[in-house]
């Protein structure tokens, strides 16, 4: 019997002779439903659809290395920094889809959306829904926080993000962050955590301004 973690803390026993069937087909589909990954990006936001350019190649290479778990002993945090339209979200989603296809748990959110989900979960059912969302963000194999710094800056928001990022930091759990800001513009404690991982600055002209550009 092999045990597969369907969601953090929830295991399912799979007989050895069924494992080859369970892993590649059932598990990724189930995990994709939980991941909050935009389903319309499954084909469009992949490594083979990323438009390479001089100012973004280092980010592409870092994303591929991160997916292959080859950070060389660094904290497994990967942060994409740069102006909008250079492909930060594209690369983050490409990593997420590859992880899902490997049968790993992924949780994707725009940071403002995650904070809204946490707040709404607490309002609607007390701590139950809030804790379910927060626990998944803390414990999944890969957390993707998109557009960090665009959220409304409040003490409560800062506390939530600090709690999630700090837990993943302490347990060396994998985190991908995208932001249009510099680290100096982010909360000091969050910035310090991100600095211990891999930082990649994307440069160049927004793909949205170029003919046929699709990067986000």
Protein backbone atom coordinates (compact mmCIF):
# COMPACT_ATOMS: atom_id res chain seq x y z
CA UNK A 1 0.00 0.00 0.00
CA UNK A 2 1.24 3.49 -0.92
CA UNK A 3 -0.16 6.57 0.72
CA UNK A 4 -0.82 9.70 -1.35
CA UNK A 5 -1.50 13.07 0.27
CA UNK A 6 -4.57 14.35 -1.55
CA UNK A 7 -4.53 17.61 0.40
CA UNK A 8 -2.35 18.48 3.41
CA UNK A 9 -3.30 16.12 6.20
CA UNK A 10 -5.61 13.98 4.04
CA UNK A 11 -4.07 10.72 2.83
CA UNK A 12 -5.45 8.03 0.57
CA UNK A 13 -4.15 4.49 0.44
CA UNK A 14 -3.38 3.20 -3.08
CA UNK A 15 -2.59 -0.51 -3.61
CA UNK A 16 0.79 -0.96 -5.25
CA UNK A 17 -0.69 -2.51 -8.38
CA UNK A 18 -3.00 0.51 -8.80
CA UNK A 19 -0.42 3.20 -8.13
CA UNK A 20 0.69 3.54 -11.75
CA UNK A 21 -2.93 4.23 -12.68
CA UNK A 22 -3.72 6.47 -9.73
CA UNK A 23 -0.75 8.82 -9.99
CA UNK A 24 -0.63 10.05 -13.61
CA UNK A 25 -4.35 10.20 -14.30
CA UNK A 26 -6.53 10.62 -11.20
CA UNK A 27 -4.21 12.58 -8.96
CA UNK A 28 -3.21 15.48 -11.27
CA UNK A 29 -6.82 16.07 -12.27
CA UNK A 30 -7.93 16.09 -8.64
CA UNK A 31 -5.09 18.39 -7.58
CA UNK A 32 -5.75 20.79 -10.46
CA UNK A 33 -9.26 21.30 -9.09
CA UNK A 34 -7.84 22.24 -5.68
CA UNK A 35 -5.02 24.39 -7.03
CA UNK A 36 -7.01 27.47 -8.12
CA UNK A 37 -4.87 27.53 -11.26
CA UNK A 38 -6.76 29.27 -14.12
CA UNK A 39 -7.90 26.35 -16.27
CA UNK A 40 -7.67 28.39 -19.49
CA UNK A 41 -3.89 28.69 -19.00
CA UNK A 42 -3.18 24.95 -19.04
CA UNK A 43 -2.17 25.08 -22.71
CA UNK A 44 -1.25 28.75 -23.13
CA UNK A 45 1.03 29.36 -20.14
CA UNK A 46 3.66 26.65 -20.47
CA UNK A 47 7.40 26.68 -20.94
CA UNK A 48 7.08 25.77 -24.62
CA UNK A 49 4.81 28.77 -25.26
CA UNK A 50 7.03 31.31 -23.50
CA UNK A 51 8.53 33.88 -25.87
CA UNK A 52 12.21 34.13 -25.12
CA UNK A 53 13.89 37.52 -25.31
CA UNK A 54 17.19 38.86 -24.04
CA UNK A 55 15.78 40.47 -20.91
CA UNK A 56 13.74 37.47 -19.79
CA UNK A 57 15.95 34.47 -20.62
CA UNK A 58 17.48 34.35 -17.14
CA UNK A 59 13.99 34.17 -15.66
CA UNK A 60 13.06 31.33 -18.01
CA UNK A 61 16.21 29.41 -17.08
CA UNK A 62 15.56 29.96 -13.38
CA UNK A 63 11.98 28.72 -13.74
CA UNK A 64 13.09 25.54 -15.49
CA UNK A 65 15.77 24.92 -12.85
CA UNK A 66 13.21 25.48 -10.09
CA UNK A 67 10.85 22.95 -11.65
CA UNK A 68 13.69 20.42 -11.80
CA UNK A 69 14.61 21.09 -8.13
CA UNK A 70 18.13 22.24 -9.02
CA UNK A 71 18.60 25.39 -6.92
CA UNK A 72 21.92 24.17 -5.56
CA UNK A 73 21.01 24.12 -1.89
CA UNK A 74 19.32 27.53 -1.81
CA UNK A 75 16.07 28.16 -0.01
CA UNK A 76 13.40 26.99 -2.50
CA UNK A 77 11.88 30.44 -3.01
CA UNK A 78 11.80 31.94 -6.52
CA UNK A 79 10.83 35.57 -7.01
CA UNK A 80 10.22 37.22 -10.37
CA UNK A 81 10.57 41.01 -10.27
CA UNK A 82 9.86 43.44 -13.09
CA UNK A 83 7.37 45.68 -14.80
CA UNK A 84 4.02 44.31 -16.02
CA UNK A 85 3.86 42.43 -19.30
CA UNK A 86 7.26 40.72 -19.22
CA UNK A 87 6.05 37.17 -18.52
CA UNK A 88 6.32 36.80 -14.73
CA UNK A 89 2.87 35.24 -14.35
CA UNK A 90 3.40 33.09 -17.45
CA UNK A 91 6.49 31.49 -15.91
CA UNK A 92 4.85 31.07 -12.51
CA UNK A 93 1.90 29.26 -14.07
CA UNK A 94 4.20 27.12 -16.22
CA UNK A 95 5.91 25.93 -13.06
CA UNK A 96 2.53 25.26 -11.46
CA UNK A 97 1.24 23.16 -14.35
CA UNK A 98 4.42 21.09 -14.44
CA UNK A 99 4.13 20.47 -10.69
CA UNK A 100 0.51 19.38 -11.01
CA UNK A 101 1.42 16.95 -13.76
CA UNK A 102 4.03 15.47 -11.41
CA UNK A 103 1.26 14.80 -8.89
CA UNK A 104 2.27 17.53 -6.44
CA UNK A 105 -0.03 19.87 -4.53
CA UNK A 106 -0.10 23.45 -5.88
CA UNK A 107 -1.97 26.53 -4.67
CA UNK A 108 -2.12 29.60 -6.94
CA UNK A 109 -3.55 32.98 -6.02
CA UNK A 110 -3.26 36.64 -6.79
CA UNK A 111 -2.26 37.92 -3.37
CA UNK A 112 -5.24 40.27 -3.11
CA UNK A 113 -7.54 37.35 -4.00
CA UNK A 114 -5.97 35.10 -1.37
CA UNK A 115 -6.47 37.73 1.30
CA UNK A 116 -10.10 38.18 0.22
CA UNK A 117 -10.63 34.41 0.35
CA UNK A 118 -9.18 34.24 3.86
CA UNK A 119 -11.31 37.15 5.01
CA UNK A 120 -14.49 35.77 3.44
CA UNK A 121 -13.81 32.30 4.82
CA UNK A 122 -13.64 33.71 8.32
CA UNK A 123 -16.79 35.78 7.87
CA UNK A 124 -18.90 32.94 6.50
CA UNK A 125 -17.93 30.08 8.80
CA UNK A 126 -15.77 31.41 11.58
CA UNK A 127 -12.34 29.82 11.59
CA UNK A 128 -13.24 26.67 9.62
CA UNK A 129 -12.96 27.88 6.01
CA UNK A 130 -10.26 30.40 6.92
CA UNK A 131 -8.08 27.70 8.45
CA UNK A 132 -8.63 25.32 5.53
CA UNK A 133 -7.38 27.94 3.06
CA UNK A 134 -4.53 29.11 5.29
CA UNK A 135 -3.40 25.54 6.00
CA UNK A 136 -3.32 24.69 2.30
CA UNK A 137 -1.29 27.84 1.59
CA UNK A 138 1.15 26.95 4.34
CA UNK A 139 1.53 23.24 3.59
CA UNK A 140 1.03 22.52 -0.13
CA UNK A 141 4.06 21.40 -2.14
CA UNK A 142 4.16 24.65 -4.12
CA UNK A 143 2.55 28.00 -3.33
CA UNK A 144 2.38 30.63 -6.08
CA UNK A 145 1.73 34.19 -4.91
CA UNK A 146 1.05 36.36 -7.95
CA UNK A 147 1.31 40.17 -7.93
CA UNK A 148 2.65 40.59 -4.41
CA UNK A 149 2.44 44.23 -3.37
CA UNK A 150 -0.74 45.04 -5.30
CA UNK A 151 -2.92 44.18 -2.32
CA UNK A 152 -4.28 46.79 0.06
CA UNK A 153 -1.66 47.40 2.71
CA UNK A 154 -3.26 46.79 6.10
CA UNK A 155 -1.93 45.39 9.37
CA UNK A 156 -4.16 42.31 8.99
CA UNK A 157 -2.99 41.64 5.42
CA UNK A 158 0.62 41.95 6.49
CA UNK A 159 0.09 39.50 9.33
CA UNK A 160 -1.51 36.91 7.05
CA UNK A 161 1.21 37.08 4.43
CA UNK A 162 3.94 37.03 7.05
CA UNK A 163 2.41 33.96 8.69
CA UNK A 164 2.16 32.02 5.42
CA UNK A 165 5.57 32.99 4.04
CA UNK A 166 7.32 32.49 7.39
CA UNK A 167 5.85 29.00 7.82
CA UNK A 168 7.05 28.01 4.36
CA UNK A 169 10.44 29.58 5.10
CA UNK A 170 10.86 27.65 8.34
CA UNK A 171 9.92 24.37 6.64
CA UNK A 172 11.79 25.01 3.35
CA UNK A 173 8.60 24.62 1.33
CA UNK A 174 8.61 25.80 -2.24
CA UNK A 175 7.31 29.28 -3.06
CA UNK A 176 7.07 31.26 -6.30
CA UNK A 177 6.35 34.99 -6.09
CA UNK A 178 5.75 37.59 -8.79
CA UNK A 179 5.81 41.30 -8.11
CA UNK A 180 5.95 44.58 -10.01
CA UNK A 181 7.74 46.18 -7.05
CA UNK A 182 11.33 46.12 -5.84
CA UNK A 183 12.21 44.29 -2.65
CA UNK A 184 12.73 47.66 -0.96
CA UNK A 185 9.06 48.41 -1.57
CA UNK A 186 7.87 45.20 0.09
CA UNK A 187 7.49 44.64 3.86
CA UNK A 188 10.96 44.23 5.34
CA UNK A 189 10.37 40.79 6.88
CA UNK A 190 8.90 39.38 3.66
CA UNK A 191 11.70 40.90 1.59
CA UNK A 192 14.35 39.37 3.86
CA UNK A 193 12.82 35.92 3.39
CA UNK A 194 12.68 36.29 -0.39
CA UNK A 195 16.31 37.45 -0.55
CA UNK A 196 17.43 34.05 0.74
CA UNK A 197 15.94 32.37 -2.30
CA UNK A 198 16.46 33.09 -6.00
CA UNK A 199 15.66 36.57 -7.29
CA UNK A 200 15.29 37.21 -11.00
CA UNK A 201 14.71 40.63 -12.56
CA UNK A 202 12.88 40.60 -15.89
CA UNK A 203 13.72 43.47 -18.23
CA UNK A 204 12.66 44.76 -21.59
CA UNK A 205 9.54 46.06 -23.26
CA UNK A 206 6.15 44.77 -22.25
CA UNK A 207 4.95 41.99 -24.53
CA UNK A 208 1.49 43.56 -24.38
CA UNK A 209 2.87 46.52 -26.31
CA UNK A 210 4.39 44.40 -29.04
CA UNK A 211 2.45 42.86 -31.91
CA UNK A 212 1.23 39.40 -31.03
CA UNK A 213 2.55 39.61 -27.47
CA UNK A 214 0.85 37.39 -24.93
CA UNK A 215 2.94 37.43 -21.78
CA UNK A 216 1.45 38.46 -18.47
